PDB file of N, CA and C in Angstrom:
ATOM      1  N   UNK A   1      19.782  31.476 -51.309  1.00  0.00           N
ATOM      2  CA  UNK A   1      19.135  30.177 -51.383  1.00  0.00           C
ATOM      3  C   UNK A   1      17.870  30.216 -50.535  1.00  0.00           C
ATOM      4  N   UNK A   2      16.901  29.440 -50.939  1.00  0.00           N
ATOM      5  CA  UNK A   2      15.662  29.345 -50.184  1.00  0.00           C
ATOM      6  C   UNK A   2      15.968  28.853 -48.773  1.00  0.00           C
ATOM      7  N   UNK A   3      15.305  29.432 -47.806  1.00  0.00           N
ATOM      8  CA  UNK A   3      15.597  29.083 -46.426  1.00  0.00           C
ATOM      9  C   UNK A   3      14.803  27.880 -45.931  1.00  0.00           C
ATOM     10  N   UNK A   4      13.682  27.576 -46.576  1.00  0.00           N
ATOM     11  CA  UNK A   4      12.812  26.506 -46.088  1.00  0.00           C
ATOM     12  C   UNK A   4      12.698  25.385 -47.117  1.00  0.00           C
ATOM     13  N   UNK A   5      12.850  24.167 -46.632  1.00  0.00           N
ATOM     14  CA  UNK A   5      12.692  22.996 -47.491  1.00  0.00           C
ATOM     15  C   UNK A   5      11.256  22.885 -47.979  1.00  0.00           C
ATOM     16  N   UNK A   6      11.091  22.340 -49.191  1.00  0.00           N
ATOM     17  CA  UNK A   6       9.754  22.023 -49.665  1.00  0.00           C
ATOM     18  C   UNK A   6       9.318  20.695 -49.061  1.00  0.00           C
ATOM     19  N   UNK A   7      10.203  19.712 -49.135  1.00  0.00           N
ATOM     20  CA  UNK A   7       9.937  18.388 -48.565  1.00  0.00           C
ATOM     21  C   UNK A   7      11.182  17.969 -47.789  1.00  0.00           C
ATOM     22  N   UNK A   8      10.989  17.586 -46.550  1.00  0.00           N
ATOM     23  CA  UNK A   8      12.124  17.279 -45.678  1.00  0.00           C
ATOM     24  C   UNK A   8      12.845  15.988 -46.063  1.00  0.00           C
ATOM     25  N   UNK A   9      12.111  14.932 -46.403  1.00  0.00           N
ATOM     26  CA  UNK A   9      12.713  13.637 -46.732  1.00  0.00           C
ATOM     27  C   UNK A   9      12.049  13.058 -47.971  1.00  0.00           C
ATOM     28  N   UNK A  10      12.825  12.920 -49.027  1.00  0.00           N
ATOM     29  CA  UNK A  10      12.341  12.272 -50.243  1.00  0.00           C
ATOM     30  C   UNK A  10      13.268  11.093 -50.516  1.00  0.00           C
ATOM     31  N   UNK A  11      12.696   9.917 -50.696  1.00  0.00           N
ATOM     32  CA  UNK A  11      13.507   8.718 -50.937  1.00  0.00           C
ATOM     33  C   UNK A  11      14.046   8.739 -52.366  1.00  0.00           C
ATOM     34  N   UNK A  12      15.120   8.006 -52.585  1.00  0.00           N
ATOM     35  CA  UNK A  12      15.675   7.888 -53.928  1.00  0.00           C
ATOM     36  C   UNK A  12      14.637   7.315 -54.888  1.00  0.00           C
ATOM     37  N   UNK A  13      13.828   6.394 -54.395  1.00  0.00           N
ATOM     38  CA  UNK A  13      12.773   5.802 -55.221  1.00  0.00           C
ATOM     39  C   UNK A  13      11.764   6.864 -55.672  1.00  0.00           C
ATOM     40  N   UNK A  14      11.360   7.737 -54.739  1.00  0.00           N
ATOM     41  CA  UNK A  14      10.431   8.815 -55.099  1.00  0.00           C
ATOM     42  C   UNK A  14      11.058   9.802 -56.073  1.00  0.00           C
ATOM     43  N   UNK A  15      12.358  10.034 -55.942  1.00  0.00           N
ATOM     44  CA  UNK A  15      13.032  10.937 -56.875  1.00  0.00           C
ATOM     45  C   UNK A  15      12.969  10.360 -58.287  1.00  0.00           C
ATOM     46  N   UNK A  16      13.111   9.052 -58.405  1.00  0.00           N
ATOM     47  CA  UNK A  16      13.031   8.412 -59.714  1.00  0.00           C
ATOM     48  C   UNK A  16      11.617   8.479 -60.259  1.00  0.00           C
ATOM     49  N   UNK A  17      10.630   8.066 -59.471  1.00  0.00           N
ATOM     50  CA  UNK A  17       9.262   7.936 -59.981  1.00  0.00           C
ATOM     51  C   UNK A  17       8.479   9.245 -59.998  1.00  0.00           C
ATOM     52  N   UNK A  18       8.664  10.106 -59.018  1.00  0.00           N
ATOM     53  CA  UNK A  18       7.886  11.345 -58.966  1.00  0.00           C
ATOM     54  C   UNK A  18       8.552  12.517 -59.668  1.00  0.00           C
ATOM     55  N   UNK A  19       9.891  12.500 -59.740  1.00  0.00           N
ATOM     56  CA  UNK A  19      10.620  13.608 -60.357  1.00  0.00           C
ATOM     57  C   UNK A  19      11.260  13.218 -61.684  1.00  0.00           C
ATOM     58  N   UNK A  20      11.166  11.965 -62.065  1.00  0.00           N
ATOM     59  CA  UNK A  20      11.742  11.447 -63.315  1.00  0.00           C
ATOM     60  C   UNK A  20      13.248  11.645 -63.401  1.00  0.00           C
ATOM     61  N   UNK A  21      13.928  11.665 -62.281  1.00  0.00           N
ATOM     62  CA  UNK A  21      15.381  11.815 -62.246  1.00  0.00           C
ATOM     63  C   UNK A  21      15.990  10.428 -62.062  1.00  0.00           C
ATOM     64  N   UNK A  22      15.986   9.642 -63.137  1.00  0.00           N
ATOM     65  CA  UNK A  22      16.353   8.226 -63.049  1.00  0.00           C
ATOM     66  C   UNK A  22      17.827   7.996 -62.732  1.00  0.00           C
ATOM     67  N   UNK A  23      18.698   8.941 -63.042  1.00  0.00           N
ATOM     68  CA  UNK A  23      20.128   8.773 -62.801  1.00  0.00           C
ATOM     69  C   UNK A  23      20.599   9.433 -61.511  1.00  0.00           C
ATOM     70  N   UNK A  24      19.676   9.887 -60.673  1.00  0.00           N
ATOM     71  CA  UNK A  24      20.051  10.653 -59.488  1.00  0.00           C
ATOM     72  C   UNK A  24      21.044   9.915 -58.602  1.00  0.00           C
ATOM     73  N   UNK A  25      20.762   8.684 -58.264  1.00  0.00           N
ATOM     74  CA  UNK A  25      21.622   7.944 -57.335  1.00  0.00           C
ATOM     75  C   UNK A  25      23.002   7.690 -57.942  1.00  0.00           C
ATOM     76  N   UNK A  26      23.062   7.378 -59.230  1.00  0.00           N
ATOM     77  CA  UNK A  26      24.355   7.172 -59.892  1.00  0.00           C
ATOM     78  C   UNK A  26      25.184   8.452 -59.895  1.00  0.00           C
ATOM     79  N   UNK A  27      24.532   9.564 -60.220  1.00  0.00           N
ATOM     80  CA  UNK A  27      25.245  10.844 -60.263  1.00  0.00           C
ATOM     81  C   UNK A  27      25.645  11.312 -58.869  1.00  0.00           C
ATOM     82  N   UNK A  28      24.826  11.006 -57.880  1.00  0.00           N
ATOM     83  CA  UNK A  28      25.196  11.327 -56.499  1.00  0.00           C
ATOM     84  C   UNK A  28      26.450  10.550 -56.099  1.00  0.00           C
ATOM     85  N   UNK A  29      26.527   9.288 -56.486  1.00  0.00           N
ATOM     86  CA  UNK A  29      27.730   8.492 -56.220  1.00  0.00           C
ATOM     87  C   UNK A  29      28.950   9.089 -56.901  1.00  0.00           C
ATOM     88  N   UNK A  30      28.795   9.541 -58.153  1.00  0.00           N
ATOM     89  CA  UNK A  30      29.899  10.190 -58.862  1.00  0.00           C
ATOM     90  C   UNK A  30      30.334  11.461 -58.135  1.00  0.00           C
ATOM     91  N   UNK A  31      29.352  12.250 -57.691  1.00  0.00           N
ATOM     92  CA  UNK A  31      29.650  13.494 -56.987  1.00  0.00           C
ATOM     93  C   UNK A  31      30.396  13.231 -55.683  1.00  0.00           C
ATOM     94  N   UNK A  32      29.946  12.243 -54.927  1.00  0.00           N
ATOM     95  CA  UNK A  32      30.608  11.909 -53.662  1.00  0.00           C
ATOM     96  C   UNK A  32      32.033  11.398 -53.906  1.00  0.00           C
ATOM     97  N   UNK A  33      32.209  10.628 -54.975  1.00  0.00           N
ATOM     98  CA  UNK A  33      33.551  10.147 -55.325  1.00  0.00           C
ATOM     99  C   UNK A  33      34.446  11.327 -55.696  1.00  0.00           C
ATOM    100  N   UNK A  34      33.889  12.294 -56.425  1.00  0.00           N
ATOM    101  CA  UNK A  34      34.666  13.488 -56.794  1.00  0.00           C
ATOM    102  C   UNK A  34      35.065  14.290 -55.554  1.00  0.00           C
ATOM    103  N   UNK A  35      34.172  14.399 -54.565  1.00  0.00           N
ATOM    104  CA  UNK A  35      34.509  15.132 -53.348  1.00  0.00           C
ATOM    105  C   UNK A  35      35.700  14.490 -52.626  1.00  0.00           C
ATOM    106  N   UNK A  36      35.753  13.166 -52.657  1.00  0.00           N
ATOM    107  CA  UNK A  36      36.858  12.461 -51.998  1.00  0.00           C
ATOM    108  C   UNK A  36      38.153  12.554 -52.784  1.00  0.00           C
ATOM    109  N   UNK A  37      38.041  12.508 -54.117  1.00  0.00           N
ATOM    110  CA  UNK A  37      39.228  12.512 -54.977  1.00  0.00           C
ATOM    111  C   UNK A  37      39.023  13.483 -56.138  1.00  0.00           C
ATOM    112  N   UNK A  38      39.168  14.783 -55.899  1.00  0.00           N
ATOM    113  CA  UNK A  38      38.874  15.777 -56.935  1.00  0.00           C
ATOM    114  C   UNK A  38      39.830  15.765 -58.124  1.00  0.00           C
ATOM    115  N   UNK A  39      40.949  15.083 -58.020  1.00  0.00           N
ATOM    116  CA  UNK A  39      41.922  15.047 -59.109  1.00  0.00           C
ATOM    117  C   UNK A  39      41.559  14.044 -60.204  1.00  0.00           C
ATOM    118  N   UNK A  40      40.629  13.117 -59.957  1.00  0.00           N
ATOM    119  CA  UNK A  40      40.281  12.133 -60.985  1.00  0.00           C
ATOM    120  C   UNK A  40      39.107  12.639 -61.826  1.00  0.00           C
ATOM    121  N   UNK A  41      38.991  12.109 -63.019  1.00  0.00           N
ATOM    122  CA  UNK A  41      37.879  12.493 -63.882  1.00  0.00           C
ATOM    123  C   UNK A  41      37.590  11.369 -64.868  1.00  0.00           C
ATOM    124  N   UNK A  42      36.597  11.560 -65.691  1.00  0.00           N
ATOM    125  CA  UNK A  42      36.272  10.617 -66.748  1.00  0.00           C
ATOM    126  C   UNK A  42      35.834   9.258 -66.235  1.00  0.00           C
ATOM    127  N   UNK A  43      36.329   8.231 -66.901  1.00  0.00           N
ATOM    128  CA  UNK A  43      35.921   6.862 -66.593  1.00  0.00           C
ATOM    129  C   UNK A  43      36.330   6.444 -65.188  1.00  0.00           C
ATOM    130  N   UNK A  44      37.482   6.911 -64.728  1.00  0.00           N
ATOM    131  CA  UNK A  44      37.915   6.567 -63.367  1.00  0.00           C
ATOM    132  C   UNK A  44      36.924   7.104 -62.339  1.00  0.00           C
ATOM    133  N   UNK A  45      36.420   8.309 -62.577  1.00  0.00           N
ATOM    134  CA  UNK A  45      35.432   8.886 -61.668  1.00  0.00           C
ATOM    135  C   UNK A  45      34.140   8.071 -61.701  1.00  0.00           C
ATOM    136  N   UNK A  46      33.689   7.689 -62.891  1.00  0.00           N
ATOM    137  CA  UNK A  46      32.470   6.871 -63.003  1.00  0.00           C
ATOM    138  C   UNK A  46      32.638   5.533 -62.292  1.00  0.00           C
ATOM    139  N   UNK A  47      33.816   4.918 -62.431  1.00  0.00           N
ATOM    140  CA  UNK A  47      34.068   3.647 -61.756  1.00  0.00           C
ATOM    141  C   UNK A  47      34.023   3.804 -60.244  1.00  0.00           C
ATOM    142  N   UNK A  48      34.663   4.842 -59.738  1.00  0.00           N
ATOM    143  CA  UNK A  48      34.650   5.068 -58.291  1.00  0.00           C
ATOM    144  C   UNK A  48      33.252   5.452 -57.815  1.00  0.00           C
ATOM    145  N   UNK A  49      32.543   6.236 -58.623  1.00  0.00           N
ATOM    146  CA  UNK A  49      31.175   6.615 -58.265  1.00  0.00           C
ATOM    147  C   UNK A  49      30.259   5.412 -58.181  1.00  0.00           C
ATOM    148  N   UNK A  50      30.435   4.454 -59.109  1.00  0.00           N
ATOM    149  CA  UNK A  50      29.634   3.239 -59.095  1.00  0.00           C
ATOM    150  C   UNK A  50      29.911   2.356 -57.903  1.00  0.00           C
ATOM    151  N   UNK A  51      31.097   2.502 -57.319  1.00  0.00           N
ATOM    152  CA  UNK A  51      31.470   1.708 -56.151  1.00  0.00           C
ATOM    153  C   UNK A  51      31.314   2.472 -54.841  1.00  0.00           C
ATOM    154  N   UNK A  52      30.717   3.651 -54.899  1.00  0.00           N
ATOM    155  CA  UNK A  52      30.534   4.462 -53.696  1.00  0.00           C
ATOM    156  C   UNK A  52      29.318   3.977 -52.927  1.00  0.00           C
ATOM    157  N   UNK A  53      29.521   3.672 -51.672  1.00  0.00           N
ATOM    158  CA  UNK A  53      28.429   3.246 -50.799  1.00  0.00           C
ATOM    159  C   UNK A  53      27.739   4.488 -50.248  1.00  0.00           C
ATOM    160  N   UNK A  54      26.459   4.622 -50.527  1.00  0.00           N
ATOM    161  CA  UNK A  54      25.677   5.746 -50.030  1.00  0.00           C
ATOM    162  C   UNK A  54      24.892   5.241 -48.823  1.00  0.00           C
ATOM    163  N   UNK A  55      25.187   5.782 -47.660  1.00  0.00           N
ATOM    164  CA  UNK A  55      24.622   5.269 -46.412  1.00  0.00           C
ATOM    165  C   UNK A  55      23.284   5.897 -46.041  1.00  0.00           C
ATOM    166  N   UNK A  56      22.741   6.723 -46.902  1.00  0.00           N
ATOM    167  CA  UNK A  56      21.432   7.314 -46.633  1.00  0.00           C
ATOM    168  C   UNK A  56      20.527   7.035 -47.828  1.00  0.00           C
ATOM    169  N   UNK A  57      19.232   7.098 -47.636  1.00  0.00           N
ATOM    170  CA  UNK A  57      18.266   6.773 -48.687  1.00  0.00           C
ATOM    171  C   UNK A  57      17.247   7.883 -48.918  1.00  0.00           C
ATOM    172  N   UNK A  58      17.408   8.977 -48.197  1.00  0.00           N
ATOM    173  CA  UNK A  58      16.501  10.111 -48.340  1.00  0.00           C
ATOM    174  C   UNK A  58      17.315  11.391 -48.453  1.00  0.00           C
ATOM    175  N   UNK A  59      16.793  12.363 -49.176  1.00  0.00           N
ATOM    176  CA  UNK A  59      17.428  13.670 -49.282  1.00  0.00           C
ATOM    177  C   UNK A  59      16.369  14.754 -49.130  1.00  0.00           C
ATOM    178  N   UNK A  60      16.763  15.927 -48.631  1.00  0.00           N
ATOM    179  CA  UNK A  60      15.826  17.047 -48.595  1.00  0.00           C
ATOM    180  C   UNK A  60      15.644  17.603 -50.009  1.00  0.00           C
ATOM    181  N   UNK A  61      14.477  18.169 -50.285  1.00  0.00           N
ATOM    182  CA  UNK A  61      14.176  18.692 -51.622  1.00  0.00           C
ATOM    183  C   UNK A  61      13.689  20.138 -51.518  1.00  0.00           C
ATOM    184  N   UNK A  62      14.274  20.966 -52.354  1.00  0.00           N
ATOM    185  CA  UNK A  62      13.822  22.344 -52.528  1.00  0.00           C
ATOM    186  C   UNK A  62      13.144  22.428 -53.891  1.00  0.00           C
ATOM    187  N   UNK A  63      11.929  22.944 -53.969  1.00  0.00           N
ATOM    188  CA  UNK A  63      11.249  23.097 -55.249  1.00  0.00           C
ATOM    189  C   UNK A  63      11.522  24.449 -55.893  1.00  0.00           C
ATOM    190  N   UNK A  64      12.005  25.402 -55.127  1.00  0.00           N
ATOM    191  CA  UNK A  64      12.371  26.712 -55.664  1.00  0.00           C
ATOM    192  C   UNK A  64      13.660  27.171 -55.005  1.00  0.00           C
ATOM    193  N   UNK A  65      14.605  27.585 -55.833  1.00  0.00           N
ATOM    194  CA  UNK A  65      15.873  28.111 -55.334  1.00  0.00           C
ATOM    195  C   UNK A  65      16.147  29.419 -56.056  1.00  0.00           C
ATOM    196  N   UNK A  66      16.502  30.436 -55.314  1.00  0.00           N
ATOM    197  CA  UNK A  66      16.834  31.735 -55.894  1.00  0.00           C
ATOM    198  C   UNK A  66      18.321  32.003 -55.720  1.00  0.00           C
ATOM    199  N   UNK A  67      18.958  32.467 -56.787  1.00  0.00           N
ATOM    200  CA  UNK A  67      20.363  32.845 -56.737  1.00  0.00           C
ATOM    201  C   UNK A  67      20.436  34.360 -56.643  1.00  0.00           C
ATOM    202  N   UNK A  68      21.195  34.846 -55.674  1.00  0.00           N
ATOM    203  CA  UNK A  68      21.338  36.284 -55.464  1.00  0.00           C
ATOM    204  C   UNK A  68      22.791  36.701 -55.675  1.00  0.00           C
ATOM    205  N   UNK A  69      22.972  37.939 -56.147  1.00  0.00           N
ATOM    206  CA  UNK A  69      24.330  38.453 -56.284  1.00  0.00           C
ATOM    207  C   UNK A  69      24.799  38.996 -54.941  1.00  0.00           C
ATOM    208  N   UNK A  70      25.977  39.577 -54.900  1.00  0.00           N
ATOM    209  CA  UNK A  70      26.529  40.033 -53.626  1.00  0.00           C
ATOM    210  C   UNK A  70      25.736  41.189 -53.025  1.00  0.00           C
ATOM    211  N   UNK A  71      24.908  41.872 -53.839  1.00  0.00           N
ATOM    212  CA  UNK A  71      24.054  42.953 -53.339  1.00  0.00           C
ATOM    213  C   UNK A  71      22.687  42.455 -52.892  1.00  0.00           C
ATOM    214  N   UNK A  72      22.430  41.151 -53.002  1.00  0.00           N
ATOM    215  CA  UNK A  72      21.154  40.583 -52.583  1.00  0.00           C
ATOM    216  C   UNK A  72      20.077  40.600 -53.651  1.00  0.00           C
ATOM    217  N   UNK A  73      20.410  41.005 -54.858  1.00  0.00           N
ATOM    218  CA  UNK A  73      19.440  41.048 -55.958  1.00  0.00           C
ATOM    219  C   UNK A  73      19.332  39.665 -56.586  1.00  0.00           C
ATOM    220  N   UNK A  74      18.109  39.204 -56.807  1.00  0.00           N
ATOM    221  CA  UNK A  74      17.881  37.894 -57.423  1.00  0.00           C
ATOM    222  C   UNK A  74      18.308  37.958 -58.882  1.00  0.00           C
ATOM    223  N   UNK A  75      19.253  37.080 -59.267  1.00  0.00           N
ATOM    224  CA  UNK A  75      19.758  37.072 -60.639  1.00  0.00           C
ATOM    225  C   UNK A  75      19.268  35.864 -61.430  1.00  0.00           C
ATOM    226  N   UNK A  76      18.767  34.850 -60.746  1.00  0.00           N
ATOM    227  CA  UNK A  76      18.231  33.672 -61.434  1.00  0.00           C
ATOM    228  C   UNK A  76      17.482  32.830 -60.417  1.00  0.00           C
ATOM    229  N   UNK A  77      16.678  31.906 -60.903  1.00  0.00           N
ATOM    230  CA  UNK A  77      15.967  31.003 -60.003  1.00  0.00           C
ATOM    231  C   UNK A  77      15.802  29.647 -60.677  1.00  0.00           C
ATOM    232  N   UNK A  78      15.550  28.645 -59.855  1.00  0.00           N
ATOM    233  CA  UNK A  78      15.389  27.271 -60.313  1.00  0.00           C
ATOM    234  C   UNK A  78      14.066  26.759 -59.766  1.00  0.00           C
ATOM    235  N   UNK A  79      13.323  26.025 -60.591  1.00  0.00           N
ATOM    236  CA  UNK A  79      12.033  25.490 -60.163  1.00  0.00           C
ATOM    237  C   UNK A  79      11.950  24.004 -60.484  1.00  0.00           C
ATOM    238  N   UNK A  80      11.263  23.261 -59.619  1.00  0.00           N
ATOM    239  CA  UNK A  80      11.053  21.824 -59.790  1.00  0.00           C
ATOM    240  C   UNK A  80       9.572  21.538 -59.596  1.00  0.00           C
ATOM    241  N   UNK A  81       9.004  20.736 -60.487  1.00  0.00           N
ATOM    242  CA  UNK A  81       7.620  20.297 -60.343  1.00  0.00           C
ATOM    243  C   UNK A  81       7.586  18.781 -60.465  1.00  0.00           C
ATOM    244  N   UNK A  82       7.209  18.080 -59.393  1.00  0.00           N
ATOM    245  CA  UNK A  82       7.112  16.617 -59.491  1.00  0.00           C
ATOM    246  C   UNK A  82       5.920  16.224 -60.359  1.00  0.00           C
ATOM    247  N   UNK A  83       5.887  14.963 -60.767  1.00  0.00           N
ATOM    248  CA  UNK A  83       4.746  14.472 -61.544  1.00  0.00           C
ATOM    249  C   UNK A  83       3.473  14.644 -60.733  1.00  0.00           C
ATOM    250  N   UNK A  84       2.419  15.093 -61.395  1.00  0.00           N
ATOM    251  CA  UNK A  84       1.149  15.347 -60.714  1.00  0.00           C
ATOM    252  C   UNK A  84      -0.008  14.855 -61.566  1.00  0.00           C
ATOM    253  N   UNK A  85      -1.169  14.738 -60.940  1.00  0.00           N
ATOM    254  CA  UNK A  85      -2.403  14.408 -61.657  1.00  0.00           C
ATOM    255  C   UNK A  85      -3.322  15.617 -61.523  1.00  0.00           C
ATOM    256  N   UNK A  86      -3.830  16.120 -62.677  1.00  0.00           N
ATOM    257  CA  UNK A  86      -4.690  17.301 -62.625  1.00  0.00           C
ATOM    258  C   UNK A  86      -6.126  16.925 -62.254  1.00  0.00           C
ATOM    259  N   UNK A  87      -7.012  17.913 -62.218  1.00  0.00           N
ATOM    260  CA  UNK A  87      -8.394  17.689 -61.773  1.00  0.00           C
ATOM    261  C   UNK A  87      -9.169  16.767 -62.712  1.00  0.00           C
ATOM    262  N   UNK A  88      -8.719  16.606 -63.956  1.00  0.00           N
ATOM    263  CA  UNK A  88      -9.380  15.693 -64.911  1.00  0.00           C
ATOM    264  C   UNK A  88      -8.764  14.301 -64.903  1.00  0.00           C
ATOM    265  N   UNK A  89      -7.812  14.077 -63.995  1.00  0.00           N
ATOM    266  CA  UNK A  89      -7.195  12.758 -63.891  1.00  0.00           C
ATOM    267  C   UNK A  89      -6.057  12.533 -64.867  1.00  0.00           C
ATOM    268  N   UNK A  90      -5.623  13.570 -65.582  1.00  0.00           N
ATOM    269  CA  UNK A  90      -4.528  13.433 -66.531  1.00  0.00           C
ATOM    270  C   UNK A  90      -3.192  13.687 -65.827  1.00  0.00           C
ATOM    271  N   UNK A  91      -2.190  12.924 -66.215  1.00  0.00           N
ATOM    272  CA  UNK A  91      -0.873  13.044 -65.602  1.00  0.00           C
ATOM    273  C   UNK A  91      -0.110  14.203 -66.230  1.00  0.00           C
ATOM    274  N   UNK A  92       0.415  15.055 -65.377  1.00  0.00           N
ATOM    275  CA  UNK A  92       1.300  16.130 -65.813  1.00  0.00           C
ATOM    276  C   UNK A  92       2.706  15.669 -65.482  1.00  0.00           C
ATOM    277  N   UNK A  93       3.544  15.503 -66.506  1.00  0.00           N
ATOM    278  CA  UNK A  93       4.886  14.969 -66.299  1.00  0.00           C
ATOM    279  C   UNK A  93       5.742  15.902 -65.465  1.00  0.00           C
ATOM    280  N   UNK A  94       6.701  15.315 -64.766  1.00  0.00           N
ATOM    281  CA  UNK A  94       7.652  16.091 -63.975  1.00  0.00           C
ATOM    282  C   UNK A  94       8.508  16.933 -64.905  1.00  0.00           C
ATOM    283  N   UNK A  95       8.878  18.102 -64.467  1.00  0.00           N
ATOM    284  CA  UNK A  95       9.861  18.913 -65.183  1.00  0.00           C
ATOM    285  C   UNK A  95      10.625  19.757 -64.178  1.00  0.00           C
ATOM    286  N   UNK A  96      11.852  20.090 -64.556  1.00  0.00           N
ATOM    287  CA  UNK A  96      12.726  20.791 -63.631  1.00  0.00           C
ATOM    288  C   UNK A  96      13.784  21.550 -64.400  1.00  0.00           C
ATOM    289  N   UNK A  97      14.368  22.538 -63.735  1.00  0.00           N
ATOM    290  CA  UNK A  97      15.483  23.286 -64.290  1.00  0.00           C
ATOM    291  C   UNK A  97      16.771  22.562 -63.911  1.00  0.00           C
ATOM    292  N   UNK A  98      17.755  22.677 -64.781  1.00  0.00           N
ATOM    293  CA  UNK A  98      19.067  22.118 -64.496  1.00  0.00           C
ATOM    294  C   UNK A  98      20.023  23.267 -64.225  1.00  0.00           C
ATOM    295  N   UNK A  99      20.856  23.118 -63.223  1.00  0.00           N
ATOM    296  CA  UNK A  99      21.785  24.178 -62.858  1.00  0.00           C
ATOM    297  C   UNK A  99      23.195  23.626 -62.874  1.00  0.00           C
ATOM    298  N   UNK A 100      24.098  24.367 -63.475  1.00  0.00           N
ATOM    299  CA  UNK A 100      25.513  24.048 -63.421  1.00  0.00           C
ATOM    300  C   UNK A 100      26.167  25.095 -62.542  1.00  0.00           C
ATOM    301  N   UNK A 101      26.853  24.657 -61.507  1.00  0.00           N
ATOM    302  CA  UNK A 101      27.468  25.587 -60.569  1.00  0.00           C
ATOM    303  C   UNK A 101      28.969  25.394 -60.592  1.00  0.00           C
ATOM    304  N   UNK A 102      29.693  26.458 -60.775  1.00  0.00           N
ATOM    305  CA  UNK A 102      31.145  26.404 -60.788  1.00  0.00           C
ATOM    306  C   UNK A 102      31.641  26.240 -59.367  1.00  0.00           C
ATOM    307  N   UNK A 103      32.445  25.219 -59.143  1.00  0.00           N
ATOM    308  CA  UNK A 103      32.956  24.976 -57.796  1.00  0.00           C
ATOM    309  C   UNK A 103      34.444  25.238 -57.683  1.00  0.00           C
ATOM    310  N   UNK A 104      35.111  25.452 -58.786  1.00  0.00           N
ATOM    311  CA  UNK A 104      36.551  25.706 -58.758  1.00  0.00           C
ATOM    312  C   UNK A 104      36.915  26.763 -59.779  1.00  0.00           C
ATOM    313  N   UNK A 105      38.190  27.009 -59.933  1.00  0.00           N
ATOM    314  CA  UNK A 105      38.655  28.011 -60.889  1.00  0.00           C
ATOM    315  C   UNK A 105      38.598  27.451 -62.302  1.00  0.00           C
ATOM    316  N   UNK A 106      38.038  28.212 -63.209  1.00  0.00           N
ATOM    317  CA  UNK A 106      37.944  27.844 -64.613  1.00  0.00           C
ATOM    318  C   UNK A 106      38.442  29.014 -65.449  1.00  0.00           C
ATOM    319  N   UNK A 107      38.885  28.764 -66.665  1.00  0.00           N
ATOM    320  CA  UNK A 107      39.252  29.877 -67.537  1.00  0.00           C
ATOM    321  C   UNK A 107      38.052  30.799 -67.759  1.00  0.00           C
ATOM    322  N   UNK A 108      38.317  32.089 -67.986  1.00  0.00           N
ATOM    323  CA  UNK A 108      37.252  33.078 -68.145  1.00  0.00           C
ATOM    324  C   UNK A 108      36.275  32.736 -69.256  1.00  0.00           C
ATOM    325  N   UNK A 109      36.732  32.070 -70.306  1.00  0.00           N
ATOM    326  CA  UNK A 109      35.860  31.819 -71.457  1.00  0.00           C
ATOM    327  C   UNK A 109      34.865  30.688 -71.238  1.00  0.00           C
ATOM    328  N   UNK A 110      34.907  29.951 -70.117  1.00  0.00           N
ATOM    329  CA  UNK A 110      33.928  28.900 -69.878  1.00  0.00           C
ATOM    330  C   UNK A 110      33.005  29.209 -68.706  1.00  0.00           C
ATOM    331  N   UNK A 111      33.139  30.366 -68.127  1.00  0.00           N
ATOM    332  CA  UNK A 111      32.294  30.718 -66.993  1.00  0.00           C
ATOM    333  C   UNK A 111      30.884  31.040 -67.435  1.00  0.00           C
ATOM    334  N   UNK A 112      29.941  30.774 -66.554  1.00  0.00           N
ATOM    335  CA  UNK A 112      28.536  31.080 -66.824  1.00  0.00           C
ATOM    336  C   UNK A 112      28.222  32.514 -66.462  1.00  0.00           C
ATOM    337  N   UNK A 113      26.967  32.792 -66.243  1.00  0.00           N
ATOM    338  CA  UNK A 113      26.491  34.123 -65.917  1.00  0.00           C
ATOM    339  C   UNK A 113      27.231  34.669 -64.703  1.00  0.00           C
ATOM    340  N   UNK A 114      27.827  35.819 -64.843  1.00  0.00           N
ATOM    341  CA  UNK A 114      28.584  36.494 -63.796  1.00  0.00           C
ATOM    342  C   UNK A 114      29.681  35.597 -63.218  1.00  0.00           C
ATOM    343  N   UNK A 115      30.187  34.650 -64.028  1.00  0.00           N
ATOM    344  CA  UNK A 115      31.298  33.823 -63.595  1.00  0.00           C
ATOM    345  C   UNK A 115      30.968  32.798 -62.547  1.00  0.00           C
ATOM    346  N   UNK A 116      29.680  32.582 -62.262  1.00  0.00           N
ATOM    347  CA  UNK A 116      29.354  31.690 -61.162  1.00  0.00           C
ATOM    348  C   UNK A 116      28.473  30.511 -61.559  1.00  0.00           C
ATOM    349  N   UNK A 117      27.505  30.716 -62.409  1.00  0.00           N
ATOM    350  CA  UNK A 117      26.597  29.632 -62.717  1.00  0.00           C
ATOM    351  C   UNK A 117      25.856  29.914 -64.014  1.00  0.00           C
ATOM    352  N   UNK A 118      25.238  28.889 -64.545  1.00  0.00           N
ATOM    353  CA  UNK A 118      24.307  29.050 -65.656  1.00  0.00           C
ATOM    354  C   UNK A 118      23.199  28.028 -65.461  1.00  0.00           C
ATOM    355  N   UNK A 119      22.055  28.282 -66.018  1.00  0.00           N
ATOM    356  CA  UNK A 119      20.965  27.324 -65.874  1.00  0.00           C
ATOM    357  C   UNK A 119      20.234  27.164 -67.195  1.00  0.00           C
ATOM    358  N   UNK A 120      19.577  26.043 -67.324  1.00  0.00           N
ATOM    359  CA  UNK A 120      18.873  25.733 -68.555  1.00  0.00           C
ATOM    360  C   UNK A 120      17.670  24.887 -68.181  1.00  0.00           C
ATOM    361  N   UNK A 121      16.521  25.154 -68.776  1.00  0.00           N
ATOM    362  CA  UNK A 121      15.307  24.408 -68.470  1.00  0.00           C
ATOM    363  C   UNK A 121      15.313  23.077 -69.206  1.00  0.00           C
ATOM    364  N   UNK A 122      14.991  22.018 -68.513  1.00  0.00           N
ATOM    365  CA  UNK A 122      14.919  20.686 -69.107  1.00  0.00           C
ATOM    366  C   UNK A 122      13.552  20.124 -68.768  1.00  0.00           C
ATOM    367  N   UNK A 123      12.814  19.688 -69.764  1.00  0.00           N
ATOM    368  CA  UNK A 123      11.513  19.058 -69.518  1.00  0.00           C
ATOM    369  C   UNK A 123      11.652  17.582 -69.852  1.00  0.00           C
ATOM    370  N   UNK A 124      11.150  16.737 -68.988  1.00  0.00           N
ATOM    371  CA  UNK A 124      11.234  15.291 -69.171  1.00  0.00           C
ATOM    372  C   UNK A 124       9.955  14.808 -69.837  1.00  0.00           C
TER     373      UNK A 124
END
């Protein structure tokens, strides 16, 4: 993983407007609810996620993340570009890679690359 943050504190509002990640706070609530109760899923998880109180309003942001295997060789990377304005004043929309990371045991037939993760580019 990258050792240095790109931006130390990014507000949830900036994540929505600058990164076009409009569901970030809702999904963070779902994730936190899952950490507390990993046995629930589906609608129950969404309900608990919607009722999760998030006591912070800023998160650190990495714009580049590298995944390495056990030998230290880079096997994949993730990139994030916030919305920007170019030299002609035109808006360049935000785009980012999406990463799915396996956190528990899964059957062999659903594992990603090398049984650990898979990634897919998503442009907004």
